[in-house]
Amino acid sequence: MAWLYLGELPDAVAIGDRVRLDGDEARHAVHVARARVGERLAIGDGAGRVALGIVTGVADAELRLEVEELRIEPVPNPELWLVQALAKGDRDELAIQAATELGASGIVPWAAERSVTRWEGPKAAKAHARWAAIVREAAKQAIRSRVPVVAPLARLGDLARMPGAVLVLEPTASASISSVDLPTEGRIALVVGPEGGVTPRELDALSAVGAVPVRLGPEVLRTSTAGPAALTALNLRLGRW
C-alpha cells in the first residue's frame, strides 16, 4: 500500500473522484513527506476504507487526490484486544503504541488494584485523549487502515463482562500462551497487569467468569513489554505473520 494518511472520505466517493486531505495530515504530507503532484498516495478514514490515487494538487495545508482504486480492508477475525493496566511513567503508553503497531484492534485502559497511576476527575478525559492520540499516530506509522478503538476506562467488573475469550497474563499460570485453545472468530482480549501484576482477587474474579490465566515464558516481563510480546505470539499462532 502507498503511504496512508487519515482524513475524511465521502460515503459516495467513486473511482475518478477527487478527494481532499487538509489540516495536520495534509501539512505532514506536503512538508514532511514531500508529497508532489503525480505521486501515488492513499487516504483512509481509519475505519477500513481506503482511496488510492494520484496527487493532483498540493498547497500549504491541503492535498488533492484523484481516486484510482477503492479498498475496504476487512476486520481481522478474531480481533485481538489489549487490556492494559494503568502504569507508572510512560510504560502503559509504550505498551499501547507497540500493540497498535502489532495489529491490536482495540485498547482498554484498566484501573487495576495495583495501578499507581489513577485517571480521576479532569485528568481522566485528558489521559484518555492522550492514549487515543498515541494509538492514532502508531496506526499511521504502521500504515494501518483501521485505527484501534480506545475504550473507556475499565474496572474489574467491566473486564468480567467483556465479550469473547479473555487471556490473563500471569507468570505463575500452568498454561502457556502457545498451548491454550484459541477461538477462530470473535475477540481475544489479553489482560496485562501493572507493576506488581494482577492481584489474586482480580485473578479469581476473572477466572470465575471464564478467563484463562496464561504465562509467556520463564521470564517476568515489564508491563510495557508483556502485552506486545503476547500479541506477537498470537499473531504467529493465528498465521498472520
Foldseek 3Di string as FASTA:
>chain_A
DFQEFADDDDPPDDQQDKDKFFDPRLQCVCPPVVQDFQDWHWYANQAQKIFIATWHDHDNTMTMGHGHDITGDDDDFAAEEEAAEAEPDCLSLLQLLLVLLLHHQAYEYEPAPPHPDDCDDPSQVVVLVVSQVSQVVSCSVSSHNHRHYYDHYDYLVVLLPDDDAEEEEDAPAPAALLPDDHDRGYYYYYYFYAVVTHDPVSVVSNVVSPYGYHYHDNDDDHSSVPNSSSSVSVCVVNVVD
